[in-house]
Amino acid sequence: MNSIYRIVNFVLIVNIIYSIILKKNVEGNKWLAVRPNSSEYIHTLLFPNSIFKYKFRGNDTNGLFTLFEAEYLDDGPGKHIHTREDELFHIIDGHVQFFVDGKQFCGSTGDYVYVPRHVSQAIRIQNIDKRAKPVRIQILLTPSGLEGFLDEIEPLYYNGQDNLTLQNDIADKLELLI
């Protein structure tokens, strides 16, 4: 199996994180539970027809990971490289074409795809009828930190600013290569 496209049978970990949705906060010795419909929503200009739902932010996990669900009606992220985060995708519903390190992989409902840091990646949503229900992908990033980028560019969406230079400056600050 090609290590770049390792489809990780991470069922135990993802079930612990998503289905059970319990984790121990090491600093406060507290548990945190997140119900399926109790998420923080965020919109960004990068994906105007998409919604991100945070399940766990880095401040919930002492920086260990960020977990969110993305709903895409059309194409997802173009070619980019994470310099700090490894990324695990779990396709909850739909079909997704992954472009990783110059190769392609088509994934569908139930598949897991792992992309290590420093590897180029892009996602194309396989939604032939754009009016169809969105493709849903659960994304686990470790360590946390990418939510800082999404948080900083979210106001641009609501202010109607399409400022690619500002978005790139924010990405540079957070060491995300777009």
C-alpha atoms as a PDB file:
ATOM      1  CA  MET A   1       0.000   0.000   0.000  1.00  0.00           C
ATOM      2  CA  ASN A   2       1.367   3.396  -1.006  1.00  0.00           C
ATOM      3  CA  SER A   3       2.422   5.234   2.159  1.00  0.00           C
ATOM      4  CA  ILE A   4       1.416   8.626   0.713  1.00  0.00           C
ATOM      5  CA  TYR A   5      -2.196   7.498   0.453  1.00  0.00           C
ATOM      6  CA  ARG A   6      -2.297   5.367   3.546  1.00  0.00           C
ATOM      7  CA  ILE A   7      -5.947   4.714   4.124  1.00  0.00           C
ATOM      8  CA  VAL A   8      -5.869   4.399   7.836  1.00  0.00           C
ATOM      9  CA  ASN A   9      -8.266   2.055   9.556  1.00  0.00           C
ATOM     10  CA  PHE A  10      -8.412   4.435  12.480  1.00  0.00           C
ATOM     11  CA  VAL A  11     -11.852   3.299  13.563  1.00  0.00           C
ATOM     12  CA  LEU A  12     -10.959   2.942  17.223  1.00  0.00           C
ATOM     13  CA  ILE A  13      -9.415   6.416  17.493  1.00  0.00           C
ATOM     14  CA  VAL A  14     -12.102   8.163  15.447  1.00  0.00           C
ATOM     15  CA  ASN A  15     -14.873   6.369  17.320  1.00  0.00           C
ATOM     16  CA  ILE A  16     -13.334   7.445  20.595  1.00  0.00           C
ATOM     17  CA  ILE A  17     -13.002  11.021  19.379  1.00  0.00           C
ATOM     18  CA  TYR A  18     -16.260  11.368  17.428  1.00  0.00           C
ATOM     19  CA  SER A  19     -18.798   8.731  18.436  1.00  0.00           C
ATOM     20  CA  ILE A  20     -18.086   8.669  22.139  1.00  0.00           C
ATOM     21  CA  ILE A  21     -16.862  12.291  22.032  1.00  0.00           C
ATOM     22  CA  LEU A  22     -15.232  12.260  25.428  1.00  0.00           C
ATOM     23  CA  LYS A  23     -11.767  13.404  26.299  1.00  0.00           C
ATOM     24  CA  LYS A  24      -9.881  14.202  29.448  1.00  0.00           C
ATOM     25  CA  ASN A  25      -8.503  17.709  29.790  1.00  0.00           C
ATOM     26  CA  VAL A  26      -5.060  17.101  31.260  1.00  0.00           C
ATOM     27  CA  GLU A  27      -4.609  20.577  32.756  1.00  0.00           C
ATOM     28  CA  GLY A  28      -7.989  20.869  34.415  1.00  0.00           C
ATOM     29  CA  ASN A  29      -8.574  17.141  34.935  1.00  0.00           C
ATOM     30  CA  LYS A  30     -12.020  17.661  33.380  1.00  0.00           C
ATOM     31  CA  TRP A  31     -13.950  15.735  30.790  1.00  0.00           C
ATOM     32  CA  LEU A  32     -15.528  17.349  27.753  1.00  0.00           C
ATOM     33  CA  ALA A  33     -18.485  15.965  25.817  1.00  0.00           C
ATOM     34  CA  VAL A  34     -19.644  17.279  22.453  1.00  0.00           C
ATOM     35  CA  ARG A  35     -22.973  16.235  21.001  1.00  0.00           C
ATOM     36  CA  PRO A  36     -23.318  15.744  17.231  1.00  0.00           C
ATOM     37  CA  ASN A  37     -25.374  18.912  16.703  1.00  0.00           C
ATOM     38  CA  SER A  38     -23.559  21.141  19.196  1.00  0.00           C
ATOM     39  CA  SER A  39     -20.764  22.577  17.118  1.00  0.00           C
ATOM     40  CA  GLU A  40     -19.243  25.978  16.543  1.00  0.00           C
ATOM     41  CA  TYR A  41     -19.826  26.956  12.903  1.00  0.00           C
ATOM     42  CA  ILE A  42     -17.389  28.974  10.811  1.00  0.00           C
ATOM     43  CA  HIS A  43     -17.500  30.286   7.216  1.00  0.00           C
ATOM     44  CA  THR A  44     -14.495  31.384   5.169  1.00  0.00           C
ATOM     45  CA  LEU A  45     -13.970  33.161   1.866  1.00  0.00           C
ATOM     46  CA  LEU A  46     -11.721  30.336   0.739  1.00  0.00           C
ATOM     47  CA  PHE A  47     -14.765  28.067   0.595  1.00  0.00           C
ATOM     48  CA  PRO A  48     -17.840  30.335   0.355  1.00  0.00           C
ATOM     49  CA  ASN A  49     -20.272  27.437  -0.144  1.00  0.00           C
ATOM     50  CA  SER A  50     -18.867  25.434   2.738  1.00  0.00           C
ATOM     51  CA  ILE A  51     -19.346  25.233   6.472  1.00  0.00           C
ATOM     52  CA  PHE A  52     -16.819  24.095   9.054  1.00  0.00           C
ATOM     53  CA  LYS A  53     -18.104  22.757  12.361  1.00  0.00           C
ATOM     54  CA  TYR A  54     -15.561  22.600  15.156  1.00  0.00           C
ATOM     55  CA  LYS A  55     -15.908  19.581  17.415  1.00  0.00           C
ATOM     56  CA  PHE A  56     -12.693  20.167  19.382  1.00  0.00           C
ATOM     57  CA  ARG A  57     -10.344  23.140  19.223  1.00  0.00           C
ATOM     58  CA  GLY A  58      -6.757  23.108  20.362  1.00  0.00           C
ATOM     59  CA  ASN A  59      -7.646  24.902  23.581  1.00  0.00           C
ATOM     60  CA  ASP A  60      -9.973  21.962  24.373  1.00  0.00           C
ATOM     61  CA  THR A  61      -7.214  19.381  23.843  1.00  0.00           C
ATOM     62  CA  ASN A  62      -4.160  21.168  25.243  1.00  0.00           C
ATOM     63  CA  GLY A  63      -2.927  21.626  21.681  1.00  0.00           C
ATOM     64  CA  LEU A  64      -2.918  17.918  20.852  1.00  0.00           C
ATOM     65  CA  PHE A  65      -5.427  18.072  17.987  1.00  0.00           C
ATOM     66  CA  THR A  66      -8.222  19.965  16.277  1.00  0.00           C
ATOM     67  CA  LEU A  67     -11.262  18.057  15.039  1.00  0.00           C
ATOM     68  CA  PHE A  68     -13.850  19.559  12.735  1.00  0.00           C
ATOM     69  CA  GLU A  69     -16.403  18.510  10.184  1.00  0.00           C
ATOM     70  CA  ALA A  70     -16.429  20.202   6.794  1.00  0.00           C
ATOM     71  CA  GLU A  71     -19.463  20.340   4.515  1.00  0.00           C
ATOM     72  CA  TYR A  72     -18.554  21.153   0.921  1.00  0.00           C
ATOM     73  CA  LEU A  73     -21.068  21.905  -1.837  1.00  0.00           C
ATOM     74  CA  ASP A  74     -18.306  22.438  -4.359  1.00  0.00           C
ATOM     75  CA  ASP A  75     -14.541  22.148  -4.525  1.00  0.00           C
ATOM     76  CA  GLY A  76     -12.518  21.990  -1.358  1.00  0.00           C
ATOM     77  CA  PRO A  77      -9.028  23.293  -0.675  1.00  0.00           C
ATOM     78  CA  GLY A  78      -6.700  23.808  -3.630  1.00  0.00           C
ATOM     79  CA  LYS A  79      -3.071  22.769  -3.546  1.00  0.00           C
ATOM     80  CA  HIS A  80      -1.438  23.563  -0.213  1.00  0.00           C
ATOM     81  CA  ILE A  81       1.066  22.206   2.293  1.00  0.00           C
ATOM     82  CA  HIS A  82       0.751  21.995   6.061  1.00  0.00           C
ATOM     83  CA  THR A  83       4.156  22.565   7.627  1.00  0.00           C
ATOM     84  CA  ARG A  84       3.053  21.901  11.197  1.00  0.00           C
ATOM     85  CA  GLU A  85       0.069  19.533  11.075  1.00  0.00           C
ATOM     86  CA  ASP A  86      -0.564  15.945  10.043  1.00  0.00           C
ATOM     87  CA  GLU A  87      -4.080  15.513   8.688  1.00  0.00           C
ATOM     88  CA  LEU A  88      -6.517  12.609   8.832  1.00  0.00           C
ATOM     89  CA  PHE A  89      -9.654  12.713   6.690  1.00  0.00           C
ATOM     90  CA  HIS A  90     -12.715  10.554   7.305  1.00  0.00           C
ATOM     91  CA  ILE A  91     -15.305  10.788   4.543  1.00  0.00           C
ATOM     92  CA  ILE A  92     -18.646  10.734   6.334  1.00  0.00           C
ATOM     93  CA  ASP A  93     -20.808  11.102   3.230  1.00  0.00           C
ATOM     94  CA  GLY A  94     -19.929  11.573  -0.434  1.00  0.00           C
ATOM     95  CA  HIS A  95     -17.077  11.171  -2.885  1.00  0.00           C
ATOM     96  CA  VAL A  96     -13.788  13.061  -2.778  1.00  0.00           C
ATOM     97  CA  GLN A  97     -10.820  13.113  -5.121  1.00  0.00           C
ATOM     98  CA  PHE A  98      -7.542  13.615  -3.250  1.00  0.00           C
ATOM     99  CA  PHE A  99      -4.406  14.943  -4.937  1.00  0.00           C
ATOM    100  CA  VAL A 100      -1.484  14.110  -2.665  1.00  0.00           C
ATOM    101  CA  ASP A 101       2.170  14.582  -3.590  1.00  0.00           C
ATOM    102  CA  GLY A 102       1.372  14.502  -7.321  1.00  0.00           C
ATOM    103  CA  LYS A 103      -0.819  11.392  -7.189  1.00  0.00           C
ATOM    104  CA  GLN A 104      -4.599  10.925  -7.105  1.00  0.00           C
ATOM    105  CA  PHE A 105      -6.930   8.868  -4.954  1.00  0.00           C
ATOM    106  CA  CYS A 106     -10.725   8.768  -5.090  1.00  0.00           C
ATOM    107  CA  GLY A 107     -12.330   8.193  -1.718  1.00  0.00           C
ATOM    108  CA  SER A 108     -15.929   7.622  -0.759  1.00  0.00           C
ATOM    109  CA  THR A 109     -18.124   7.267   2.308  1.00  0.00           C
ATOM    110  CA  GLY A 110     -16.317   5.477   5.115  1.00  0.00           C
ATOM    111  CA  ASP A 111     -12.775   5.887   3.750  1.00  0.00           C
ATOM    112  CA  TYR A 112      -9.907   7.330   5.790  1.00  0.00           C
ATOM    113  CA  VAL A 113      -6.983   9.166   4.230  1.00  0.00           C
ATOM    114  CA  TYR A 114      -3.874  10.243   6.133  1.00  0.00           C
ATOM    115  CA  VAL A 115      -1.648  13.048   4.813  1.00  0.00           C
ATOM    116  CA  PRO A 116       1.549  13.810   6.752  1.00  0.00           C
ATOM    117  CA  ARG A 117       2.897  17.349   7.118  1.00  0.00           C
ATOM    118  CA  HIS A 118       5.181  18.743   4.378  1.00  0.00           C
ATOM    119  CA  VAL A 119       3.258  16.857   1.658  1.00  0.00           C
ATOM    120  CA  SER A 120       1.317  18.821  -0.993  1.00  0.00           C
ATOM    121  CA  GLN A 121      -2.394  18.131  -1.122  1.00  0.00           C
ATOM    122  CA  ALA A 122      -5.639  19.285  -2.704  1.00  0.00           C
ATOM    123  CA  ILE A 123      -9.223  18.072  -2.604  1.00  0.00           C
ATOM    124  CA  ARG A 124     -11.828  18.017  -5.354  1.00  0.00           C
ATOM    125  CA  ILE A 125     -15.381  17.280  -4.324  1.00  0.00           C
ATOM    126  CA  GLN A 126     -17.107  14.754  -6.575  1.00  0.00           C
ATOM    127  CA  ASN A 127     -20.541  16.379  -6.437  1.00  0.00           C
ATOM    128  CA  ILE A 128     -21.854  16.161  -9.989  1.00  0.00           C
ATOM    129  CA  ASP A 129     -25.177  17.823  -9.163  1.00  0.00           C
ATOM    130  CA  LYS A 130     -24.196  21.015  -7.313  1.00  0.00           C
ATOM    131  CA  ARG A 131     -27.683  21.135  -5.792  1.00  0.00           C
ATOM    132  CA  ALA A 132     -27.169  17.776  -4.131  1.00  0.00           C
ATOM    133  CA  LYS A 133     -26.501  17.442  -0.430  1.00  0.00           C
ATOM    134  CA  PRO A 134     -23.023  18.526   0.650  1.00  0.00           C
ATOM    135  CA  VAL A 135     -20.082  16.169   0.916  1.00  0.00           C
ATOM    136  CA  ARG A 136     -19.230  15.734   4.599  1.00  0.00           C
ATOM    137  CA  ILE A 137     -15.669  15.116   5.756  1.00  0.00           C
ATOM    138  CA  GLN A 138     -14.367  14.842   9.296  1.00  0.00           C
ATOM    139  CA  ILE A 139     -10.839  16.275   9.578  1.00  0.00           C
ATOM    140  CA  LEU A 140      -8.412  15.637  12.421  1.00  0.00           C
ATOM    141  CA  LEU A 141      -5.307  17.854  12.554  1.00  0.00           C
ATOM    142  CA  THR A 142      -2.456  17.175  14.915  1.00  0.00           C
ATOM    143  CA  PRO A 143      -1.127  19.167  16.579  1.00  0.00           C
ATOM    144  CA  SER A 144      -3.803  21.847  16.727  1.00  0.00           C
ATOM    145  CA  GLY A 145      -3.320  25.356  15.374  1.00  0.00           C
ATOM    146  CA  LEU A 146      -4.977  25.555  11.955  1.00  0.00           C
ATOM    147  CA  GLU A 147      -8.128  26.930  13.548  1.00  0.00           C
ATOM    148  CA  GLY A 148      -6.137  30.133  14.116  1.00  0.00           C
ATOM    149  CA  PHE A 149      -5.955  30.615  10.339  1.00  0.00           C
ATOM    150  CA  LEU A 150      -9.666  29.945   9.853  1.00  0.00           C
ATOM    151  CA  ASP A 151     -10.574  32.241  12.749  1.00  0.00           C
ATOM    152  CA  GLU A 152      -8.496  35.090  11.326  1.00  0.00           C
ATOM    153  CA  ILE A 153      -9.913  34.868   7.811  1.00  0.00           C
ATOM    154  CA  GLU A 154     -13.548  34.362   8.885  1.00  0.00           C
ATOM    155  CA  PRO A 155     -14.207  38.128   9.353  1.00  0.00           C
ATOM    156  CA  LEU A 156     -13.221  38.652   5.708  1.00  0.00           C
ATOM    157  CA  TYR A 157     -16.169  36.438   4.728  1.00  0.00           C
ATOM    158  CA  TYR A 158     -18.672  38.455   6.744  1.00  0.00           C
ATOM    159  CA  ASN A 159     -17.179  41.820   5.720  1.00  0.00           C
ATOM    160  CA  GLY A 160     -17.371  40.888   2.046  1.00  0.00           C
ATOM    161  CA  GLN A 161     -13.632  41.367   1.625  1.00  0.00           C
ATOM    162  CA  ASP A 162     -12.025  39.227  -1.041  1.00  0.00           C
ATOM    163  CA  ASN A 163      -8.470  40.056  -0.087  1.00  0.00           C
ATOM    164  CA  LEU A 164      -6.203  37.240  -1.218  1.00  0.00           C
ATOM    165  CA  THR A 165      -3.102  39.159  -0.111  1.00  0.00           C
ATOM    166  CA  LEU A 166      -4.416  39.446   3.446  1.00  0.00           C
ATOM    167  CA  GLN A 167      -5.355  35.743   3.475  1.00  0.00           C
ATOM    168  CA  ASN A 168      -1.867  34.812   2.267  1.00  0.00           C
ATOM    169  CA  ASP A 169      -0.266  37.041   4.926  1.00  0.00           C
ATOM    170  CA  ILE A 170      -2.282  35.244   7.599  1.00  0.00           C
ATOM    171  CA  ALA A 171      -1.320  31.866   6.099  1.00  0.00           C
ATOM    172  CA  ASP A 172       2.367  32.864   6.097  1.00  0.00           C
ATOM    173  CA  LYS A 173       2.164  33.879   9.742  1.00  0.00           C
ATOM    174  CA  LEU A 174       0.784  30.421  10.601  1.00  0.00           C
ATOM    175  CA  GLU A 175       3.280  28.605   8.329  1.00  0.00           C
ATOM    176  CA  LEU A 176       0.615  27.330   5.914  1.00  0.00           C
ATOM    177  CA  LEU A 177       1.837  27.187   2.319  1.00  0.00           C
ATOM    178  CA  ILE A 178      -0.925  28.021  -0.179  1.00  0.00           C
END
